[in-house]
Amino acid sequence: MPDLYVGSVALAPFIVALIALLKWIGMPVGWAPYVNIALSAAGVILIGMIGLDPNLLTPVETVLNIVIAVLAAAGFYDLQQAGTRALRSQ
């Protein structure tokens, strides 16, 4: 399955980081699969919207990169750690 990208932003680690943040601030762990589905669907819709109007790419990519910078600063976005977890689970 190909990776989904919005511009230069890979969606999978972005979604993992957002779910980790939500669990950290108190979201019940049982909601994680549903939040994952919702965020994945939002990502696919966003990709479709950008496909229809390529002018949306720059502002969307900028916002996603800012959110990733905040998540990285908070310690929730760590691509190496996410990759290590994925490899260990196999």
PDB file of N, CA and C in Angstrom:
ATOM      1  N   MET A   1       0.851  -1.173   0.000  1.00  0.00           N
ATOM      2  CA  MET A   1       0.000   0.000   0.000  1.00  0.00           C
ATOM      3  C   MET A   1       0.898   1.238   0.000  1.00  0.00           C
ATOM      4  N   PRO A   2       0.641   2.176  -0.872  1.00  0.00           N
ATOM      5  CA  PRO A   2       1.474   3.382  -0.921  1.00  0.00           C
ATOM      6  C   PRO A   2       1.212   4.291   0.276  1.00  0.00           C
ATOM      7  N   ASP A   3       2.253   5.017   0.674  1.00  0.00           N
ATOM      8  CA  ASP A   3       2.095   5.988   1.755  1.00  0.00           C
ATOM      9  C   ASP A   3       1.300   7.175   1.250  1.00  0.00           C
ATOM     10  N   LEU A   4       0.498   7.756   2.129  1.00  0.00           N
ATOM     11  CA  LEU A   4      -0.280   8.935   1.771  1.00  0.00           C
ATOM     12  C   LEU A   4       0.460  10.177   2.240  1.00  0.00           C
ATOM     13  N   TYR A   5       0.622  11.110   1.338  1.00  0.00           N
ATOM     14  CA  TYR A   5       1.311  12.361   1.642  1.00  0.00           C
ATOM     15  C   TYR A   5       0.413  13.531   1.268  1.00  0.00           C
ATOM     16  N   VAL A   6       0.476  14.576   2.083  1.00  0.00           N
ATOM     17  CA  VAL A   6      -0.103  15.870   1.729  1.00  0.00           C
ATOM     18  C   VAL A   6       1.097  16.770   1.548  1.00  0.00           C
ATOM     19  N   GLY A   7       1.449  17.024   0.302  1.00  0.00           N
ATOM     20  CA  GLY A   7       2.684  17.756   0.024  1.00  0.00           C
ATOM     21  C   GLY A   7       3.857  16.926   0.503  1.00  0.00           C
ATOM     22  N   SER A   8       4.617  17.465   1.437  1.00  0.00           N
ATOM     23  CA  SER A   8       5.770  16.743   1.966  1.00  0.00           C
ATOM     24  C   SER A   8       5.477  16.076   3.301  1.00  0.00           C
ATOM     25  N   VAL A   9       4.218  16.080   3.724  1.00  0.00           N
ATOM     26  CA  VAL A   9       3.854  15.561   5.042  1.00  0.00           C
ATOM     27  C   VAL A   9       3.276  14.154   4.895  1.00  0.00           C
ATOM     28  N   ALA A  10       3.942  13.185   5.524  1.00  0.00           N
ATOM     29  CA  ALA A  10       3.422  11.822   5.553  1.00  0.00           C
ATOM     30  C   ALA A  10       2.306  11.763   6.588  1.00  0.00           C
ATOM     31  N   LEU A  11       1.161  11.226   6.209  1.00  0.00           N
ATOM     32  CA  LEU A  11       0.003  11.238   7.100  1.00  0.00           C
ATOM     33  C   LEU A  11       0.085  10.229   8.238  1.00  0.00           C
ATOM     34  N   ALA A  12       0.675   9.062   8.022  1.00  0.00           N
ATOM     35  CA  ALA A  12       0.660   8.023   9.059  1.00  0.00           C
ATOM     36  C   ALA A  12       1.345   8.479  10.351  1.00  0.00           C
ATOM     37  N   PRO A  13       2.591   8.966  10.319  1.00  0.00           N
ATOM     38  CA  PRO A  13       3.194   9.402  11.587  1.00  0.00           C
ATOM     39  C   PRO A  13       2.500  10.626  12.169  1.00  0.00           C
ATOM     40  N   PHE A  14       1.927  11.450  11.313  1.00  0.00           N
ATOM     41  CA  PHE A  14       1.175  12.626  11.773  1.00  0.00           C
ATOM     42  C   PHE A  14      -0.044  12.173  12.591  1.00  0.00           C
ATOM     43  N   ILE A  15      -0.767  11.182  12.079  1.00  0.00           N
ATOM     44  CA  ILE A  15      -1.947  10.671  12.771  1.00  0.00           C
ATOM     45  C   ILE A  15      -1.544   9.974  14.069  1.00  0.00           C
ATOM     46  N   VAL A  16      -0.460   9.201  14.033  1.00  0.00           N
ATOM     47  CA  VAL A  16       0.029   8.534  15.245  1.00  0.00           C
ATOM     48  C   VAL A  16       0.363   9.567  16.311  1.00  0.00           C
ATOM     49  N   ALA A  17       1.018  10.648  15.924  1.00  0.00           N
ATOM     50  CA  ALA A  17       1.385  11.695  16.878  1.00  0.00           C
ATOM     51  C   ALA A  17       0.155  12.390  17.448  1.00  0.00           C
ATOM     52  N   LEU A  18      -0.834  12.683  16.606  1.00  0.00           N
ATOM     53  CA  LEU A  18      -2.051  13.319  17.104  1.00  0.00           C
ATOM     54  C   LEU A  18      -2.806  12.417  18.073  1.00  0.00           C
ATOM     55  N   ILE A  19      -2.866  11.134  17.780  1.00  0.00           N
ATOM     56  CA  ILE A  19      -3.552  10.200  18.676  1.00  0.00           C
ATOM     57  C   ILE A  19      -2.790  10.084  19.999  1.00  0.00           C
ATOM     58  N   ALA A  20      -1.458  10.054  19.940  1.00  0.00           N
ATOM     59  CA  ALA A  20      -0.660  10.017  21.176  1.00  0.00           C
ATOM     60  C   ALA A  20      -0.919  11.263  22.017  1.00  0.00           C
ATOM     61  N   LEU A  21      -1.001  12.409  21.367  1.00  0.00           N
ATOM     62  CA  LEU A  21      -1.294  13.649  22.090  1.00  0.00           C
ATOM     63  C   LEU A  21      -2.675  13.597  22.725  1.00  0.00           C
ATOM     64  N   LEU A  22      -3.660  13.134  21.972  1.00  0.00           N
ATOM     65  CA  LEU A  22      -5.025  13.047  22.502  1.00  0.00           C
ATOM     66  C   LEU A  22      -5.106  12.088  23.687  1.00  0.00           C
ATOM     67  N   LYS A  23      -4.396  10.951  23.605  1.00  0.00           N
ATOM     68  CA  LYS A  23      -4.388  10.018  24.734  1.00  0.00           C
ATOM     69  C   LYS A  23      -3.691  10.653  25.934  1.00  0.00           C
ATOM     70  N   TRP A  24      -2.643  11.421  25.687  1.00  0.00           N
ATOM     71  CA  TRP A  24      -1.910  12.065  26.774  1.00  0.00           C
ATOM     72  C   TRP A  24      -2.770  13.094  27.500  1.00  0.00           C
ATOM     73  N   ILE A  25      -3.648  13.790  26.737  1.00  0.00           N
ATOM     74  CA  ILE A  25      -4.482  14.802  27.391  1.00  0.00           C
ATOM     75  C   ILE A  25      -5.780  14.214  27.947  1.00  0.00           C
ATOM     76  N   GLY A  26      -5.955  12.890  27.819  1.00  0.00           N
ATOM     77  CA  GLY A  26      -7.064  12.262  28.504  1.00  0.00           C
ATOM     78  C   GLY A  26      -8.083  11.516  27.669  1.00  0.00           C
ATOM     79  N   MET A  27      -7.875  11.407  26.377  1.00  0.00           N
ATOM     80  CA  MET A  27      -8.822  10.655  25.561  1.00  0.00           C
ATOM     81  C   MET A  27      -8.774   9.175  25.970  1.00  0.00           C
ATOM     82  N   PRO A  28      -9.922   8.532  26.152  1.00  0.00           N
ATOM     83  CA  PRO A  28      -9.906   7.100  26.476  1.00  0.00           C
ATOM     84  C   PRO A  28      -9.217   6.297  25.366  1.00  0.00           C
ATOM     85  N   VAL A  29      -8.403   5.342  25.781  1.00  0.00           N
ATOM     86  CA  VAL A  29      -7.629   4.538  24.832  1.00  0.00           C
ATOM     87  C   VAL A  29      -8.540   3.811  23.852  1.00  0.00           C
ATOM     88  N   GLY A  30      -9.712   3.427  24.276  1.00  0.00           N
ATOM     89  CA  GLY A  30     -10.648   2.716  23.410  1.00  0.00           C
ATOM     90  C   GLY A  30     -11.154   3.541  22.236  1.00  0.00           C
ATOM     91  N   TRP A  31     -11.012   4.841  22.326  1.00  0.00           N
ATOM     92  CA  TRP A  31     -11.443   5.710  21.226  1.00  0.00           C
ATOM     93  C   TRP A  31     -10.402   5.815  20.125  1.00  0.00           C
ATOM     94  N   ALA A  32      -9.175   5.395  20.390  1.00  0.00           N
ATOM     95  CA  ALA A  32      -8.077   5.576  19.439  1.00  0.00           C
ATOM     96  C   ALA A  32      -8.377   5.021  18.038  1.00  0.00           C
ATOM     97  N   PRO A  33      -8.954   3.814  17.919  1.00  0.00           N
ATOM     98  CA  PRO A  33      -9.238   3.319  16.566  1.00  0.00           C
ATOM     99  C   PRO A  33     -10.237   4.196  15.801  1.00  0.00           C
ATOM    100  N   TYR A  34     -11.216   4.729  16.521  1.00  0.00           N
ATOM    101  CA  TYR A  34     -12.221   5.564  15.865  1.00  0.00           C
ATOM    102  C   TYR A  34     -11.636   6.919  15.457  1.00  0.00           C
ATOM    103  N   VAL A  35     -10.790   7.451  16.308  1.00  0.00           N
ATOM    104  CA  VAL A  35     -10.116   8.712  15.973  1.00  0.00           C
ATOM    105  C   VAL A  35      -9.181   8.487  14.788  1.00  0.00           C
ATOM    106  N   ASN A  36      -8.516   7.330  14.763  1.00  0.00           N
ATOM    107  CA  ASN A  36      -7.641   6.992  13.637  1.00  0.00           C
ATOM    108  C   ASN A  36      -8.436   6.958  12.332  1.00  0.00           C
ATOM    109  N   ILE A  37      -9.588   6.313  12.359  1.00  0.00           N
ATOM    110  CA  ILE A  37     -10.429   6.247  11.164  1.00  0.00           C
ATOM    111  C   ILE A  37     -10.864   7.646  10.733  1.00  0.00           C
ATOM    112  N   ALA A  38     -11.276   8.467  11.698  1.00  0.00           N
ATOM    113  CA  ALA A  38     -11.731   9.823  11.376  1.00  0.00           C
ATOM    114  C   ALA A  38     -10.608  10.674  10.798  1.00  0.00           C
ATOM    115  N   LEU A  39      -9.423  10.601  11.408  1.00  0.00           N
ATOM    116  CA  LEU A  39      -8.290  11.387  10.898  1.00  0.00           C
ATOM    117  C   LEU A  39      -7.827  10.881   9.536  1.00  0.00           C
ATOM    118  N   SER A  40      -7.855   9.570   9.344  1.00  0.00           N
ATOM    119  CA  SER A  40      -7.481   9.010   8.037  1.00  0.00           C
ATOM    120  C   SER A  40      -8.462   9.455   6.956  1.00  0.00           C
ATOM    121  N   ALA A  41      -9.757   9.421   7.289  1.00  0.00           N
ATOM    122  CA  ALA A  41     -10.770   9.874   6.329  1.00  0.00           C
ATOM    123  C   ALA A  41     -10.581  11.358   6.022  1.00  0.00           C
ATOM    124  N   ALA A  42     -10.290  12.153   7.052  1.00  0.00           N
ATOM    125  CA  ALA A  42     -10.049  13.582   6.830  1.00  0.00           C
ATOM    126  C   ALA A  42      -8.837  13.789   5.934  1.00  0.00           C
ATOM    127  N   GLY A  43      -7.809  12.970   6.114  1.00  0.00           N
ATOM    128  CA  GLY A  43      -6.622  13.065   5.262  1.00  0.00           C
ATOM    129  C   GLY A  43      -6.924  12.737   3.816  1.00  0.00           C
ATOM    130  N   VAL A  44      -7.723  11.699   3.594  1.00  0.00           N
ATOM    131  CA  VAL A  44      -8.091  11.319   2.228  1.00  0.00           C
ATOM    132  C   VAL A  44      -8.942  12.417   1.585  1.00  0.00           C
ATOM    133  N   ILE A  45      -9.864  12.981   2.360  1.00  0.00           N
ATOM    134  CA  ILE A  45     -10.683  14.082   1.835  1.00  0.00           C
ATOM    135  C   ILE A  45      -9.804  15.278   1.500  1.00  0.00           C
ATOM    136  N   LEU A  46      -8.840  15.565   2.366  1.00  0.00           N
ATOM    137  CA  LEU A  46      -7.915  16.674   2.128  1.00  0.00           C
ATOM    138  C   LEU A  46      -7.100  16.451   0.853  1.00  0.00           C
ATOM    139  N   ILE A  47      -6.635  15.229   0.662  1.00  0.00           N
ATOM    140  CA  ILE A  47      -5.890  14.902  -0.560  1.00  0.00           C
ATOM    141  C   ILE A  47      -6.781  15.098  -1.783  1.00  0.00           C
ATOM    142  N   GLY A  48      -8.051  14.666  -1.688  1.00  0.00           N
ATOM    143  CA  GLY A  48      -8.991  14.853  -2.796  1.00  0.00           C
ATOM    144  C   GLY A  48      -9.247  16.319  -3.091  1.00  0.00           C
ATOM    145  N   MET A  49      -9.388  17.125  -2.027  1.00  0.00           N
ATOM    146  CA  MET A  49      -9.610  18.564  -2.225  1.00  0.00           C
ATOM    147  C   MET A  49      -8.408  19.223  -2.883  1.00  0.00           C
ATOM    148  N   ILE A  50      -7.214  18.807  -2.492  1.00  0.00           N
ATOM    149  CA  ILE A  50      -6.003  19.368  -3.095  1.00  0.00           C
ATOM    150  C   ILE A  50      -5.898  18.934  -4.548  1.00  0.00           C
ATOM    151  N   GLY A  51      -6.353  17.711  -4.840  1.00  0.00           N
ATOM    152  CA  GLY A  51      -6.361  17.251  -6.224  1.00  0.00           C
ATOM    153  C   GLY A  51      -7.281  18.093  -7.094  1.00  0.00           C
ATOM    154  N   LEU A  52      -8.396  18.533  -6.512  1.00  0.00           N
ATOM    155  CA  LEU A  52      -9.337  19.371  -7.260  1.00  0.00           C
ATOM    156  C   LEU A  52      -8.851  20.813  -7.384  1.00  0.00           C
ATOM    157  N   ASP A  53      -8.169  21.303  -6.339  1.00  0.00           N
ATOM    158  CA  ASP A  53      -7.666  22.685  -6.354  1.00  0.00           C
ATOM    159  C   ASP A  53      -6.242  22.706  -5.817  1.00  0.00           C
ATOM    160  N   PRO A  54      -5.244  22.570  -6.698  1.00  0.00           N
ATOM    161  CA  PRO A  54      -3.843  22.524  -6.266  1.00  0.00           C
ATOM    162  C   PRO A  54      -3.381  23.777  -5.503  1.00  0.00           C
ATOM    163  N   ASN A  55      -4.118  24.877  -5.615  1.00  0.00           N
ATOM    164  CA  ASN A  55      -3.739  26.089  -4.879  1.00  0.00           C
ATOM    165  C   ASN A  55      -3.880  25.903  -3.367  1.00  0.00           C
ATOM    166  N   LEU A  56      -4.619  24.888  -2.936  1.00  0.00           N
ATOM    167  CA  LEU A  56      -4.780  24.612  -1.513  1.00  0.00           C
ATOM    168  C   LEU A  56      -3.544  23.979  -0.886  1.00  0.00           C
ATOM    169  N   LEU A  57      -2.656  23.433  -1.711  1.00  0.00           N
ATOM    170  CA  LEU A  57      -1.520  22.680  -1.186  1.00  0.00           C
ATOM    171  C   LEU A  57      -0.631  23.524  -0.285  1.00  0.00           C
ATOM    172  N   THR A  58      -0.269  24.713  -0.709  1.00  0.00           N
ATOM    173  CA  THR A  58       0.676  25.514   0.065  1.00  0.00           C
ATOM    174  C   THR A  58       0.144  25.865   1.456  1.00  0.00           C
ATOM    175  N   PRO A  59      -1.072  26.408   1.591  1.00  0.00           N
ATOM    176  CA  PRO A  59      -1.530  26.717   2.950  1.00  0.00           C
ATOM    177  C   PRO A  59      -1.746  25.475   3.816  1.00  0.00           C
ATOM    178  N   VAL A  60      -2.262  24.404   3.221  1.00  0.00           N
ATOM    179  CA  VAL A  60      -2.495  23.173   3.983  1.00  0.00           C
ATOM    180  C   VAL A  60      -1.165  22.591   4.440  1.00  0.00           C
ATOM    181  N   GLU A  61      -0.201  22.540   3.545  1.00  0.00           N
ATOM    182  CA  GLU A  61       1.117  22.007   3.884  1.00  0.00           C
ATOM    183  C   GLU A  61       1.778  22.857   4.973  1.00  0.00           C
ATOM    184  N   THR A  62       1.608  24.172   4.899  1.00  0.00           N
ATOM    185  CA  THR A  62       2.177  25.061   5.913  1.00  0.00           C
ATOM    186  C   THR A  62       1.570  24.781   7.279  1.00  0.00           C
ATOM    187  N   VAL A  63       0.249  24.661   7.338  1.00  0.00           N
ATOM    188  CA  VAL A  63      -0.426  24.379   8.607  1.00  0.00           C
ATOM    189  C   VAL A  63       0.014  23.029   9.165  1.00  0.00           C
ATOM    190  N   LEU A  64       0.068  22.002   8.310  1.00  0.00           N
ATOM    191  CA  LEU A  64       0.489  20.677   8.774  1.00  0.00           C
ATOM    192  C   LEU A  64       1.920  20.700   9.288  1.00  0.00           C
ATOM    193  N   ASN A  65       2.799  21.428   8.615  1.00  0.00           N
ATOM    194  CA  ASN A  65       4.187  21.513   9.074  1.00  0.00           C
ATOM    195  C   ASN A  65       4.296  22.259  10.399  1.00  0.00           C
ATOM    196  N   ILE A  66       3.477  23.263  10.618  1.00  0.00           N
ATOM    197  CA  ILE A  66       3.470  23.968  11.903  1.00  0.00           C
ATOM    198  C   ILE A  66       2.996  23.032  13.010  1.00  0.00           C
ATOM    199  N   VAL A  67       1.924  22.281  12.738  1.00  0.00           N
ATOM    200  CA  VAL A  67       1.420  21.339  13.735  1.00  0.00           C
ATOM    201  C   VAL A  67       2.481  20.278  14.034  1.00  0.00           C
ATOM    202  N   ILE A  68       3.188  19.802  13.015  1.00  0.00           N
ATOM    203  CA  ILE A  68       4.252  18.816  13.229  1.00  0.00           C
ATOM    204  C   ILE A  68       5.376  19.417  14.060  1.00  0.00           C
ATOM    205  N   ALA A  69       5.720  20.662  13.815  1.00  0.00           N
ATOM    206  CA  ALA A  69       6.765  21.316  14.617  1.00  0.00           C
ATOM    207  C   ALA A  69       6.353  21.380  16.083  1.00  0.00           C
ATOM    208  N   VAL A  70       5.098  21.699  16.343  1.00  0.00           N
ATOM    209  CA  VAL A  70       4.604  21.753  17.729  1.00  0.00           C
ATOM    210  C   VAL A  70       4.603  20.349  18.343  1.00  0.00           C
ATOM    211  N   LEU A  71       4.134  19.362  17.587  1.00  0.00           N
ATOM    212  CA  LEU A  71       4.132  17.986  18.085  1.00  0.00           C
ATOM    213  C   LEU A  71       5.550  17.485  18.350  1.00  0.00           C
ATOM    214  N   ALA A  72       6.486  17.841  17.488  1.00  0.00           N
ATOM    215  CA  ALA A  72       7.882  17.433  17.675  1.00  0.00           C
ATOM    216  C   ALA A  72       8.473  18.102  18.903  1.00  0.00           C
ATOM    217  N   ALA A  73       8.182  19.374  19.085  1.00  0.00           N
ATOM    218  CA  ALA A  73       8.690  20.087  20.251  1.00  0.00           C
ATOM    219  C   ALA A  73       8.130  19.497  21.541  1.00  0.00           C
ATOM    220  N   ALA A  74       6.896  19.031  21.488  1.00  0.00           N
ATOM    221  CA  ALA A  74       6.267  18.423  22.662  1.00  0.00           C
ATOM    222  C   ALA A  74       6.694  16.967  22.842  1.00  0.00           C
ATOM    223  N   GLY A  75       7.370  16.412  21.862  1.00  0.00           N
ATOM    224  CA  GLY A  75       7.854  15.038  21.969  1.00  0.00           C
ATOM    225  C   GLY A  75       6.896  13.984  21.471  1.00  0.00           C
ATOM    226  N   PHE A  76       5.835  14.389  20.792  1.00  0.00           N
ATOM    227  CA  PHE A  76       4.861  13.410  20.308  1.00  0.00           C
ATOM    228  C   PHE A  76       5.148  12.938  18.887  1.00  0.00           C
ATOM    229  N   TYR A  77       5.883  13.714  18.126  1.00  0.00           N
ATOM    230  CA  TYR A  77       6.159  13.353  16.728  1.00  0.00           C
ATOM    231  C   TYR A  77       7.609  12.935  16.629  1.00  0.00           C
ATOM    232  N   ASP A  78       7.844  11.643  16.591  1.00  0.00           N
ATOM    233  CA  ASP A  78       9.191  11.113  16.472  1.00  0.00           C
ATOM    234  C   ASP A  78       9.130   9.967  15.473  1.00  0.00           C
ATOM    235  N   LEU A  79       9.511  10.248  14.255  1.00  0.00           N
ATOM    236  CA  LEU A  79       9.393   9.263  13.184  1.00  0.00           C
ATOM    237  C   LEU A  79      10.201   8.015  13.493  1.00  0.00           C
ATOM    238  N   GLN A  80      11.378   8.179  14.082  1.00  0.00           N
ATOM    239  CA  GLN A  80      12.203   7.019  14.401  1.00  0.00           C
ATOM    240  C   GLN A  80      11.511   6.134  15.432  1.00  0.00           C
ATOM    241  N   GLN A  81      10.940   6.740  16.455  1.00  0.00           N
ATOM    242  CA  GLN A  81      10.259   5.970  17.482  1.00  0.00           C
ATOM    243  C   GLN A  81       9.030   5.268  16.907  1.00  0.00           C
ATOM    244  N   ALA A  82       8.282   5.952  16.058  1.00  0.00           N
ATOM    245  CA  ALA A  82       7.106   5.341  15.440  1.00  0.00           C
ATOM    246  C   ALA A  82       7.525   4.165  14.563  1.00  0.00           C
ATOM    247  N   GLY A  83       8.607   4.328  13.827  1.00  0.00           N
ATOM    248  CA  GLY A  83       9.106   3.241  12.986  1.00  0.00           C
ATOM    249  C   GLY A  83       9.586   2.056  13.796  1.00  0.00           C
ATOM    250  N   THR A  84      10.253   2.336  14.907  1.00  0.00           N
ATOM    251  CA  THR A  84      10.742   1.270  15.778  1.00  0.00           C
ATOM    252  C   THR A  84       9.574   0.483  16.364  1.00  0.00           C
ATOM    253  N   ARG A  85       8.529   1.179  16.797  1.00  0.00           N
ATOM    254  CA  ARG A  85       7.352   0.494  17.323  1.00  0.00           C
ATOM    255  C   ARG A  85       6.704  -0.387  16.265  1.00  0.00           C
ATOM    256  N   ALA A  86       6.637   0.118  15.050  1.00  0.00           N
ATOM    257  CA  ALA A  86       6.008  -0.648  13.962  1.00  0.00           C
ATOM    258  C   ALA A  86       6.813  -1.921  13.675  1.00  0.00           C
ATOM    259  N   LEU A  87       8.135  -1.811  13.688  1.00  0.00           N
ATOM    260  CA  LEU A  87       8.968  -2.973  13.428  1.00  0.00           C
ATOM    261  C   LEU A  87       8.875  -3.999  14.555  1.00  0.00           C
ATOM    262  N   ARG A  88       8.786  -3.529  15.779  1.00  0.00           N
ATOM    263  CA  ARG A  88       8.683  -4.449  16.919  1.00  0.00           C
ATOM    264  C   ARG A  88       7.359  -5.200  16.923  1.00  0.00           C
ATOM    265  N   SER A  89       6.315  -4.604  16.416  1.00  0.00           N
ATOM    266  CA  SER A  89       4.999  -5.234  16.454  1.00  0.00           C
ATOM    267  C   SER A  89       4.846  -6.321  15.391  1.00  0.00           C
ATOM    268  N   GLN A  90       5.784  -6.392  14.464  1.00  0.00           N
ATOM    269  CA  GLN A  90       5.668  -7.401  13.391  1.00  0.00           C
ATOM    270  C   GLN A  90       6.172  -8.746  13.813  1.00  0.00           C
TER     271      GLN A  90
END
